[in-house]
Amino acid sequence: MREIEVKVKAENLDSVEKKLQEKGCVLSDPIHQEDVIYSDNNLPWESSKEGQVVMRIRRQNDRAEFNLKQQRSNELDNTEHETEVSNPEAIHRILSILGYEPQVEVRKTRRKCMLGEYEVCLDEVDKLGAFVEIEKLTNDEVDPKEIQEELLEVLESLGLSRNDQEFRGYDTQIYELKHSLV
């Protein structure tokens, strides 16, 4: 499945929540997520490009998930596969043997809802602040720029500005902070 998303920096998540409620959305209870992102040790993080694979072990509540993302047209357009795992430590060891090492940890509190066919997430990300993320799952043949424009229009209907769009994933933003690349 292809996941295309847009995210914007948000000043006030309360106002976005109110607009979502006006549209009939019910946000989830807060979800605390801790992600460890792995990439191939032989590929510099800064050279992220189409086809590159990153993997993630996500812990949330008493569950763990394993996720693989292969970049498509840009960092927020990926082919994605995920599954729940019962032994995240074994996945860590497997990834290490395959040459993938932990590069970044992302901690966030997320509330999410469905707005029609879109998943909307209100995120408070440690070290980065507040964001609103919207994503759409699509088939492989779509034009990602058209989908991202569609997503921006939905965000604008929630009172957000496309001028606040963030083109990097949380992992890249934290990596750049950690390595003083910004």
N, C-alpha and C. Protein backbone atom coordinates (compact mmCIF):
# COMPACT_ATOMS: atom_id res chain seq x y z
N MET A 1 0.85 -1.18 0.00
CA MET A 1 0.00 0.00 0.00
C MET A 1 0.89 1.24 0.00
N ARG A 2 0.48 2.25 -0.73
CA ARG A 2 1.22 3.50 -0.80
C ARG A 2 0.60 4.50 0.16
N GLU A 3 1.42 5.08 1.02
CA GLU A 3 0.98 6.07 2.00
C GLU A 3 1.54 7.42 1.58
N ILE A 4 0.64 8.36 1.33
CA ILE A 4 1.05 9.71 0.98
C ILE A 4 0.53 10.62 2.08
N GLU A 5 1.40 11.47 2.58
CA GLU A 5 1.02 12.32 3.70
C GLU A 5 1.51 13.74 3.52
N VAL A 6 0.94 14.61 4.32
CA VAL A 6 1.37 16.00 4.43
C VAL A 6 1.36 16.32 5.91
N LYS A 7 2.33 17.10 6.35
CA LYS A 7 2.32 17.55 7.74
C LYS A 7 2.62 19.03 7.79
N VAL A 8 2.02 19.68 8.77
CA VAL A 8 2.25 21.10 8.98
C VAL A 8 2.54 21.34 10.45
N LYS A 9 3.40 22.30 10.69
CA LYS A 9 3.67 22.75 12.06
C LYS A 9 2.41 23.47 12.53
N ALA A 10 2.03 23.23 13.77
CA ALA A 10 0.79 23.81 14.29
C ALA A 10 1.06 24.64 15.53
N GLU A 11 0.45 25.79 15.59
CA GLU A 11 0.56 26.65 16.76
C GLU A 11 -0.44 26.24 17.84
N ASN A 12 -1.63 25.79 17.42
CA ASN A 12 -2.70 25.55 18.36
C ASN A 12 -3.48 24.29 17.99
N LEU A 13 -3.14 23.18 18.62
CA LEU A 13 -3.84 21.93 18.33
C LEU A 13 -5.29 21.96 18.82
N ASP A 14 -5.57 22.77 19.85
CA ASP A 14 -6.94 22.85 20.36
C ASP A 14 -7.90 23.36 19.30
N SER A 15 -7.49 24.37 18.53
CA SER A 15 -8.38 24.90 17.50
C SER A 15 -8.59 23.89 16.38
N VAL A 16 -7.56 23.12 16.06
CA VAL A 16 -7.70 22.07 15.04
C VAL A 16 -8.65 20.98 15.55
N GLU A 17 -8.50 20.61 16.82
CA GLU A 17 -9.38 19.61 17.40
C GLU A 17 -10.84 20.08 17.34
N LYS A 18 -11.06 21.34 17.64
CA LYS A 18 -12.41 21.89 17.60
C LYS A 18 -12.99 21.81 16.18
N LYS A 19 -12.19 22.17 15.18
CA LYS A 19 -12.66 22.10 13.79
C LYS A 19 -12.96 20.66 13.38
N LEU A 20 -12.13 19.72 13.84
CA LEU A 20 -12.39 18.31 13.53
C LEU A 20 -13.71 17.85 14.17
N GLN A 21 -13.93 18.26 15.41
CA GLN A 21 -15.18 17.90 16.09
C GLN A 21 -16.38 18.49 15.37
N GLU A 22 -16.25 19.71 14.87
CA GLU A 22 -17.34 20.34 14.10
C GLU A 22 -17.66 19.54 12.84
N LYS A 23 -16.66 18.83 12.32
CA LYS A 23 -16.85 18.01 11.12
C LYS A 23 -17.29 16.59 11.47
N GLY A 24 -17.54 16.34 12.76
CA GLY A 24 -18.04 15.04 13.20
C GLY A 24 -16.97 14.03 13.57
N CYS A 25 -15.74 14.47 13.67
CA CYS A 25 -14.65 13.54 14.00
C CYS A 25 -14.54 13.36 15.52
N VAL A 26 -14.17 12.16 15.90
CA VAL A 26 -13.92 11.85 17.30
C VAL A 26 -12.45 11.44 17.41
N LEU A 27 -11.68 12.23 18.15
CA LEU A 27 -10.25 11.92 18.30
C LEU A 27 -10.05 10.81 19.32
N SER A 28 -9.04 10.01 19.07
CA SER A 28 -8.68 8.93 19.99
C SER A 28 -8.15 9.51 21.29
N ASP A 29 -8.07 8.67 22.31
CA ASP A 29 -7.34 9.03 23.51
C ASP A 29 -5.88 9.21 23.12
N PRO A 30 -5.11 9.94 23.91
CA PRO A 30 -3.68 10.10 23.59
C PRO A 30 -2.97 8.74 23.50
N ILE A 31 -2.15 8.62 22.47
CA ILE A 31 -1.34 7.41 22.24
C ILE A 31 0.11 7.84 22.37
N HIS A 32 0.84 7.19 23.26
CA HIS A 32 2.27 7.49 23.44
C HIS A 32 3.07 6.51 22.59
N GLN A 33 3.87 7.05 21.68
CA GLN A 33 4.64 6.22 20.77
C GLN A 33 6.13 6.50 20.94
N GLU A 34 6.89 5.41 20.95
CA GLU A 34 8.35 5.50 20.95
C GLU A 34 8.85 4.71 19.77
N ASP A 35 9.48 5.41 18.83
CA ASP A 35 9.96 4.80 17.60
C ASP A 35 11.48 4.77 17.58
N VAL A 36 12.02 3.65 17.14
CA VAL A 36 13.45 3.56 16.84
C VAL A 36 13.53 3.32 15.34
N ILE A 37 14.22 4.24 14.64
CA ILE A 37 14.30 4.18 13.19
C ILE A 37 15.67 3.63 12.81
N TYR A 38 15.64 2.66 11.90
CA TYR A 38 16.86 1.98 11.43
C TYR A 38 17.08 2.31 9.96
N SER A 39 18.33 2.49 9.61
CA SER A 39 18.67 2.61 8.19
C SER A 39 19.97 1.86 7.94
N ASP A 40 20.23 1.64 6.68
CA ASP A 40 21.43 0.93 6.25
C ASP A 40 22.65 1.76 6.65
N ASN A 41 23.54 1.16 7.41
CA ASN A 41 24.73 1.87 7.89
C ASN A 41 25.60 2.38 6.76
N ASN A 42 25.50 1.78 5.57
CA ASN A 42 26.34 2.17 4.45
C ASN A 42 25.78 3.35 3.66
N LEU A 43 24.54 3.76 3.97
CA LEU A 43 23.92 4.88 3.25
C LEU A 43 23.77 6.06 4.21
N PRO A 44 24.38 7.18 3.88
CA PRO A 44 24.23 8.34 4.76
C PRO A 44 22.78 8.80 4.81
N TRP A 45 22.31 9.12 6.00
CA TRP A 45 20.92 9.55 6.20
C TRP A 45 20.61 10.76 5.31
N GLU A 46 21.56 11.66 5.18
CA GLU A 46 21.35 12.89 4.43
C GLU A 46 21.06 12.63 2.96
N SER A 47 21.41 11.47 2.43
CA SER A 47 21.24 11.22 1.00
C SER A 47 19.97 10.45 0.70
N SER A 48 18.97 10.59 1.55
CA SER A 48 17.70 9.92 1.36
C SER A 48 17.16 10.20 -0.04
N LYS A 49 16.79 9.13 -0.74
CA LYS A 49 16.29 9.30 -2.10
C LYS A 49 15.33 8.18 -2.45
N GLU A 50 14.71 8.32 -3.61
CA GLU A 50 13.73 7.33 -4.06
C GLU A 50 14.33 5.93 -4.01
N GLY A 51 13.56 5.00 -3.45
CA GLY A 51 13.99 3.62 -3.35
C GLY A 51 14.63 3.26 -2.03
N GLN A 52 15.08 4.25 -1.27
CA GLN A 52 15.73 3.98 0.01
C GLN A 52 14.73 3.39 1.00
N VAL A 53 15.23 2.47 1.81
CA VAL A 53 14.41 1.78 2.79
C VAL A 53 14.83 2.19 4.19
N VAL A 54 13.84 2.52 5.02
CA VAL A 54 14.06 2.68 6.45
C VAL A 54 13.07 1.78 7.16
N MET A 55 13.47 1.32 8.33
CA MET A 55 12.61 0.44 9.11
C MET A 55 12.45 1.01 10.50
N ARG A 56 11.35 0.64 11.13
CA ARG A 56 11.03 1.21 12.43
C ARG A 56 10.46 0.13 13.33
N ILE A 57 10.89 0.18 14.59
CA ILE A 57 10.22 -0.57 15.64
C ILE A 57 9.51 0.46 16.49
N ARG A 58 8.19 0.32 16.56
CA ARG A 58 7.37 1.27 17.34
C ARG A 58 6.80 0.57 18.55
N ARG A 59 7.00 1.17 19.70
CA ARG A 59 6.37 0.69 20.93
C ARG A 59 5.27 1.68 21.30
N GLN A 60 4.09 1.13 21.53
CA GLN A 60 2.99 1.97 21.97
C GLN A 60 2.14 1.13 22.90
N ASN A 61 1.95 1.69 24.10
CA ASN A 61 1.27 0.96 25.17
C ASN A 61 2.00 -0.36 25.39
N ASP A 62 1.34 -1.49 25.34
CA ASP A 62 2.02 -2.77 25.58
C ASP A 62 2.21 -3.54 24.29
N ARG A 63 2.23 -2.84 23.16
CA ARG A 63 2.38 -3.47 21.86
C ARG A 63 3.64 -2.97 21.16
N ALA A 64 4.07 -3.74 20.18
CA ALA A 64 5.18 -3.30 19.33
C ALA A 64 4.83 -3.64 17.88
N GLU A 65 5.24 -2.75 16.98
CA GLU A 65 5.03 -2.94 15.55
C GLU A 65 6.36 -2.81 14.84
N PHE A 66 6.48 -3.54 13.74
CA PHE A 66 7.62 -3.40 12.84
C PHE A 66 7.09 -2.81 11.55
N ASN A 67 7.81 -1.81 11.03
CA ASN A 67 7.36 -1.08 9.86
C ASN A 67 8.53 -0.91 8.90
N LEU A 68 8.24 -1.09 7.61
CA LEU A 68 9.22 -0.83 6.56
C LEU A 68 8.63 0.20 5.63
N LYS A 69 9.41 1.25 5.34
CA LYS A 69 8.99 2.27 4.38
C LYS A 69 10.05 2.36 3.29
N GLN A 70 9.56 2.33 2.05
CA GLN A 70 10.45 2.54 0.91
C GLN A 70 10.03 3.84 0.24
N GLN A 71 10.97 4.78 0.20
CA GLN A 71 10.66 6.11 -0.31
C GLN A 71 10.30 6.07 -1.78
N ARG A 72 9.29 6.84 -2.12
CA ARG A 72 8.86 7.01 -3.51
C ARG A 72 9.32 8.38 -4.00
N SER A 73 8.39 9.27 -4.33
CA SER A 73 8.74 10.55 -4.95
C SER A 73 9.39 11.54 -3.98
N ASN A 74 9.07 11.41 -2.68
CA ASN A 74 9.66 12.30 -1.68
C ASN A 74 9.55 11.62 -0.32
N GLU A 75 10.05 12.26 0.69
CA GLU A 75 10.12 11.64 2.02
C GLU A 75 8.76 11.32 2.64
N LEU A 76 7.71 12.00 2.18
CA LEU A 76 6.37 11.77 2.74
C LEU A 76 5.49 10.99 1.78
N ASP A 77 6.11 10.28 0.83
CA ASP A 77 5.42 9.41 -0.13
C ASP A 77 6.17 8.09 -0.12
N ASN A 78 5.56 7.06 0.49
CA ASN A 78 6.26 5.80 0.71
C ASN A 78 5.38 4.60 0.41
N THR A 79 6.02 3.52 -0.02
CA THR A 79 5.38 2.22 0.03
C THR A 79 5.63 1.72 1.44
N GLU A 80 4.58 1.26 2.11
CA GLU A 80 4.71 0.93 3.52
C GLU A 80 4.13 -0.45 3.81
N HIS A 81 4.84 -1.17 4.67
CA HIS A 81 4.38 -2.47 5.17
C HIS A 81 4.62 -2.48 6.67
N GLU A 82 3.62 -2.97 7.44
CA GLU A 82 3.82 -3.06 8.88
C GLU A 82 3.08 -4.25 9.45
N THR A 83 3.60 -4.69 10.58
CA THR A 83 2.98 -5.81 11.27
C THR A 83 3.28 -5.71 12.75
N GLU A 84 2.39 -6.24 13.55
CA GLU A 84 2.63 -6.31 14.99
C GLU A 84 3.67 -7.39 15.24
N VAL A 85 4.54 -7.14 16.22
CA VAL A 85 5.57 -8.13 16.57
C VAL A 85 5.51 -8.42 18.06
N SER A 86 5.78 -9.67 18.39
CA SER A 86 5.75 -10.05 19.80
C SER A 86 7.12 -9.93 20.46
N ASN A 87 8.18 -9.85 19.64
CA ASN A 87 9.53 -9.81 20.20
C ASN A 87 10.36 -8.73 19.48
N PRO A 88 10.21 -7.47 19.88
CA PRO A 88 10.94 -6.40 19.20
C PRO A 88 12.46 -6.53 19.34
N GLU A 89 12.93 -7.14 20.41
CA GLU A 89 14.39 -7.33 20.57
C GLU A 89 14.93 -8.26 19.49
N ALA A 90 14.17 -9.29 19.13
CA ALA A 90 14.60 -10.20 18.05
C ALA A 90 14.65 -9.44 16.72
N ILE A 91 13.66 -8.59 16.47
CA ILE A 91 13.67 -7.79 15.25
C ILE A 91 14.90 -6.88 15.24
N HIS A 92 15.23 -6.28 16.38
CA HIS A 92 16.44 -5.45 16.47
C HIS A 92 17.68 -6.26 16.09
N ARG A 93 17.81 -7.46 16.62
CA ARG A 93 18.99 -8.30 16.31
C ARG A 93 19.02 -8.68 14.82
N ILE A 94 17.86 -9.00 14.26
CA ILE A 94 17.79 -9.35 12.83
C ILE A 94 18.23 -8.16 11.98
N LEU A 95 17.71 -6.98 12.29
CA LEU A 95 18.08 -5.79 11.53
C LEU A 95 19.58 -5.51 11.62
N SER A 96 20.15 -5.69 12.80
CA SER A 96 21.59 -5.47 12.97
C SER A 96 22.40 -6.43 12.10
N ILE A 97 21.99 -7.69 12.06
CA ILE A 97 22.69 -8.67 11.22
C ILE A 97 22.60 -8.27 9.75
N LEU A 98 21.46 -7.68 9.35
CA LEU A 98 21.27 -7.27 7.95
C LEU A 98 21.97 -5.94 7.63
N GLY A 99 22.61 -5.32 8.62
CA GLY A 99 23.34 -4.08 8.38
C GLY A 99 22.54 -2.82 8.66
N TYR A 100 21.39 -2.97 9.30
CA TYR A 100 20.58 -1.81 9.67
C TYR A 100 20.81 -1.51 11.15
N GLU A 101 21.10 -0.25 11.42
CA GLU A 101 21.39 0.15 12.79
C GLU A 101 20.45 1.28 13.22
N PRO A 102 20.17 1.36 14.52
CA PRO A 102 19.33 2.46 15.00
C PRO A 102 20.01 3.80 14.72
N GLN A 103 19.26 4.72 14.14
CA GLN A 103 19.79 6.03 13.81
C GLN A 103 19.13 7.14 14.63
N VAL A 104 17.84 6.98 14.91
CA VAL A 104 17.07 8.06 15.53
C VAL A 104 15.98 7.45 16.41
N GLU A 105 15.68 8.15 17.50
CA GLU A 105 14.51 7.80 18.31
C GLU A 105 13.55 8.97 18.28
N VAL A 106 12.27 8.65 18.06
CA VAL A 106 11.22 9.66 18.02
C VAL A 106 10.20 9.31 19.09
N ARG A 107 9.93 10.28 19.95
CA ARG A 107 8.90 10.09 20.99
C ARG A 107 7.82 11.13 20.76
N LYS A 108 6.57 10.65 20.76
CA LYS A 108 5.48 11.59 20.54
C LYS A 108 4.21 11.10 21.23
N THR A 109 3.31 12.06 21.43
CA THR A 109 1.96 11.76 21.87
C THR A 109 1.05 12.13 20.71
N ARG A 110 0.20 11.19 20.34
CA ARG A 110 -0.62 11.34 19.14
C ARG A 110 -2.08 11.12 19.48
N ARG A 111 -2.92 11.95 18.89
CA ARG A 111 -4.37 11.73 18.90
C ARG A 111 -4.76 11.66 17.43
N LYS A 112 -5.62 10.70 17.08
CA LYS A 112 -5.95 10.57 15.67
C LYS A 112 -7.43 10.32 15.46
N CYS A 113 -7.85 10.56 14.22
CA CYS A 113 -9.24 10.34 13.83
C CYS A 113 -9.30 10.14 12.32
N MET A 114 -10.43 9.71 11.87
CA MET A 114 -10.69 9.60 10.44
C MET A 114 -11.57 10.77 10.03
N LEU A 115 -11.19 11.42 8.95
CA LEU A 115 -11.97 12.49 8.34
C LEU A 115 -12.25 12.01 6.92
N GLY A 116 -13.37 11.31 6.76
CA GLY A 116 -13.65 10.67 5.47
C GLY A 116 -12.60 9.60 5.22
N GLU A 117 -11.91 9.71 4.09
CA GLU A 117 -10.90 8.71 3.72
C GLU A 117 -9.50 9.05 4.23
N TYR A 118 -9.41 10.12 5.01
CA TYR A 118 -8.10 10.59 5.49
C TYR A 118 -7.92 10.28 6.96
N GLU A 119 -6.70 9.87 7.32
CA GLU A 119 -6.37 9.77 8.73
C GLU A 119 -5.68 11.07 9.13
N VAL A 120 -6.18 11.69 10.19
CA VAL A 120 -5.62 12.94 10.69
C VAL A 120 -5.01 12.66 12.05
N CYS A 121 -3.77 13.13 12.26
CA CYS A 121 -3.08 12.93 13.53
C CYS A 121 -2.67 14.29 14.09
N LEU A 122 -2.96 14.49 15.36
CA LEU A 122 -2.48 15.66 16.10
C LEU A 122 -1.33 15.18 16.96
N ASP A 123 -0.13 15.65 16.66
CA ASP A 123 1.09 15.13 17.27
C ASP A 123 1.80 16.19 18.10
N GLU A 124 2.22 15.78 19.30
CA GLU A 124 3.16 16.55 20.12
C GLU A 124 4.44 15.74 20.13
N VAL A 125 5.47 16.22 19.43
CA VAL A 125 6.70 15.47 19.24
C VAL A 125 7.79 16.05 20.12
N ASP A 126 8.40 15.18 20.97
CA ASP A 126 9.50 15.63 21.82
C ASP A 126 10.57 16.27 20.95
N LYS A 127 11.08 17.39 21.38
CA LYS A 127 12.15 18.16 20.75
C LYS A 127 11.71 18.96 19.52
N LEU A 128 10.48 18.68 18.99
CA LEU A 128 10.06 19.35 17.76
C LEU A 128 8.82 20.22 17.91
N GLY A 129 7.90 19.85 18.79
CA GLY A 129 6.69 20.64 18.96
C GLY A 129 5.45 19.97 18.40
N ALA A 130 4.47 20.81 18.05
CA ALA A 130 3.15 20.32 17.62
C ALA A 130 3.03 20.32 16.10
N PHE A 131 2.39 19.26 15.59
CA PHE A 131 2.17 19.10 14.16
C PHE A 131 0.79 18.48 13.93
N VAL A 132 0.27 18.73 12.73
CA VAL A 132 -0.91 18.02 12.26
C VAL A 132 -0.46 17.28 11.01
N GLU A 133 -0.76 16.00 10.99
CA GLU A 133 -0.38 15.14 9.87
C GLU A 133 -1.65 14.56 9.28
N ILE A 134 -1.73 14.52 7.97
CA ILE A 134 -2.87 13.90 7.29
C ILE A 134 -2.31 12.95 6.25
N GLU A 135 -2.92 11.77 6.16
CA GLU A 135 -2.43 10.80 5.18
C GLU A 135 -3.58 10.11 4.48
N LYS A 136 -3.23 9.62 3.31
CA LYS A 136 -4.18 8.88 2.50
C LYS A 136 -3.46 7.65 1.98
N LEU A 137 -4.12 6.50 2.11
CA LEU A 137 -3.59 5.27 1.54
C LEU A 137 -4.13 5.14 0.12
N THR A 138 -3.24 4.86 -0.82
CA THR A 138 -3.63 4.84 -2.23
C THR A 138 -3.03 3.63 -2.92
N ASN A 139 -3.37 3.49 -4.19
CA ASN A 139 -2.69 2.48 -5.01
C ASN A 139 -1.41 3.09 -5.56
N ASP A 140 -0.61 2.29 -6.22
CA ASP A 140 0.70 2.75 -6.68
C ASP A 140 0.66 3.70 -7.86
N GLU A 141 -0.44 3.73 -8.61
CA GLU A 141 -0.46 4.46 -9.86
C GLU A 141 -0.83 5.94 -9.73
N VAL A 142 -1.07 6.43 -8.54
CA VAL A 142 -1.52 7.82 -8.37
C VAL A 142 -0.38 8.80 -8.58
N ASP A 143 -0.73 10.05 -8.83
CA ASP A 143 0.23 11.14 -8.89
C ASP A 143 0.37 11.70 -7.47
N PRO A 144 1.51 11.51 -6.82
CA PRO A 144 1.65 11.95 -5.44
C PRO A 144 1.46 13.45 -5.25
N LYS A 145 1.83 14.26 -6.24
CA LYS A 145 1.65 15.71 -6.11
C LYS A 145 0.17 16.06 -6.06
N GLU A 146 -0.64 15.37 -6.83
CA GLU A 146 -2.09 15.62 -6.80
C GLU A 146 -2.67 15.25 -5.44
N ILE A 147 -2.23 14.12 -4.90
CA ILE A 147 -2.74 13.69 -3.59
C ILE A 147 -2.28 14.66 -2.52
N GLN A 148 -1.02 15.08 -2.56
CA GLN A 148 -0.54 16.01 -1.54
C GLN A 148 -1.26 17.36 -1.63
N GLU A 149 -1.61 17.79 -2.82
CA GLU A 149 -2.40 19.02 -2.97
C GLU A 149 -3.79 18.82 -2.35
N GLU A 150 -4.40 17.68 -2.59
CA GLU A 150 -5.70 17.35 -2.00
C GLU A 150 -5.61 17.39 -0.46
N LEU A 151 -4.53 16.82 0.08
CA LEU A 151 -4.35 16.81 1.53
C LEU A 151 -4.15 18.22 2.09
N LEU A 152 -3.42 19.04 1.37
CA LEU A 152 -3.22 20.43 1.81
C LEU A 152 -4.55 21.18 1.86
N GLU A 153 -5.41 20.94 0.89
CA GLU A 153 -6.72 21.60 0.88
C GLU A 153 -7.55 21.18 2.10
N VAL A 154 -7.46 19.92 2.48
CA VAL A 154 -8.18 19.46 3.67
C VAL A 154 -7.61 20.16 4.91
N LEU A 155 -6.29 20.24 5.01
CA LEU A 155 -5.68 20.92 6.16
C LEU A 155 -6.09 22.38 6.21
N GLU A 156 -6.17 23.02 5.05
CA GLU A 156 -6.60 24.42 5.03
C GLU A 156 -8.04 24.56 5.53
N SER A 157 -8.87 23.55 5.27
CA SER A 157 -10.26 23.60 5.77
C SER A 157 -10.31 23.48 7.29
N LEU A 158 -9.19 23.06 7.89
CA LEU A 158 -9.09 22.97 9.35
C LEU A 158 -8.42 24.21 9.95
N GLY A 159 -8.20 25.23 9.11
CA GLY A 159 -7.62 26.47 9.60
C GLY A 159 -6.10 26.49 9.60
N LEU A 160 -5.49 25.52 8.94
CA LEU A 160 -4.03 25.45 8.89
C LEU A 160 -3.53 26.05 7.57
N SER A 161 -2.26 26.46 7.56
CA SER A 161 -1.69 27.10 6.38
C SER A 161 -0.68 26.20 5.69
N ARG A 162 -0.76 26.16 4.38
CA ARG A 162 0.24 25.40 3.61
C ARG A 162 1.64 26.01 3.77
N ASN A 163 1.71 27.26 4.21
CA ASN A 163 3.01 27.89 4.45
C ASN A 163 3.76 27.26 5.62
N ASP A 164 3.03 26.52 6.46
CA ASP A 164 3.65 25.85 7.60
C ASP A 164 3.98 24.39 7.31
N GLN A 165 3.92 24.03 6.03
CA GLN A 165 4.16 22.64 5.65
C GLN A 165 5.59 22.22 5.99
N GLU A 166 5.72 21.02 6.50
CA GLU A 166 7.02 20.42 6.82
C GLU A 166 7.21 19.25 5.85
N PHE A 167 8.30 19.29 5.11
CA PHE A 167 8.55 18.29 4.07
C PHE A 167 9.38 17.12 4.57
N ARG A 168 9.88 17.21 5.81
CA ARG A 168 10.71 16.14 6.37
C ARG A 168 9.91 15.35 7.40
N GLY A 169 10.22 14.07 7.51
CA GLY A 169 9.63 13.25 8.56
C GLY A 169 10.19 13.66 9.91
N TYR A 170 9.51 13.23 10.98
CA TYR A 170 10.01 13.52 12.32
C TYR A 170 11.40 12.94 12.51
N ASP A 171 11.62 11.75 11.96
CA ASP A 171 12.93 11.12 12.11
C ASP A 171 14.03 11.98 11.50
N THR A 172 13.81 12.52 10.31
CA THR A 172 14.81 13.36 9.67
C THR A 172 15.02 14.64 10.46
N GLN A 173 13.95 15.24 10.94
CA GLN A 173 14.09 16.47 11.72
C GLN A 173 14.93 16.24 12.98
N ILE A 174 14.67 15.14 13.66
CA ILE A 174 15.44 14.84 14.88
C ILE A 174 16.88 14.47 14.53
N TYR A 175 17.07 13.73 13.46
CA TYR A 175 18.43 13.40 13.01
C TYR A 175 19.21 14.70 12.75
N GLU A 176 18.58 15.63 12.05
CA GLU A 176 19.26 16.89 11.74
C GLU A 176 19.56 17.69 13.00
N LEU A 177 18.64 17.69 13.96
CA LEU A 177 18.92 18.36 15.24
C LEU A 177 20.11 17.71 15.93
N LYS A 178 20.10 16.40 15.95
CA LYS A 178 21.14 15.62 16.63
C LYS A 178 22.51 15.86 15.99
N HIS A 179 22.52 16.03 14.68
CA HIS A 179 23.79 16.18 13.96
C HIS A 179 24.03 17.62 13.51
N SER A 180 23.26 18.56 14.07
CA SER A 180 23.42 19.99 13.79
C SER A 180 23.47 20.28 12.29
N LEU A 181 22.51 19.68 11.55
CA LEU A 181 22.47 19.88 10.11
C LEU A 181 21.48 20.98 9.71
N VAL A 182 20.81 21.56 10.71
CA VAL A 182 19.83 22.60 10.36
C VAL A 182 20.41 23.98 10.55
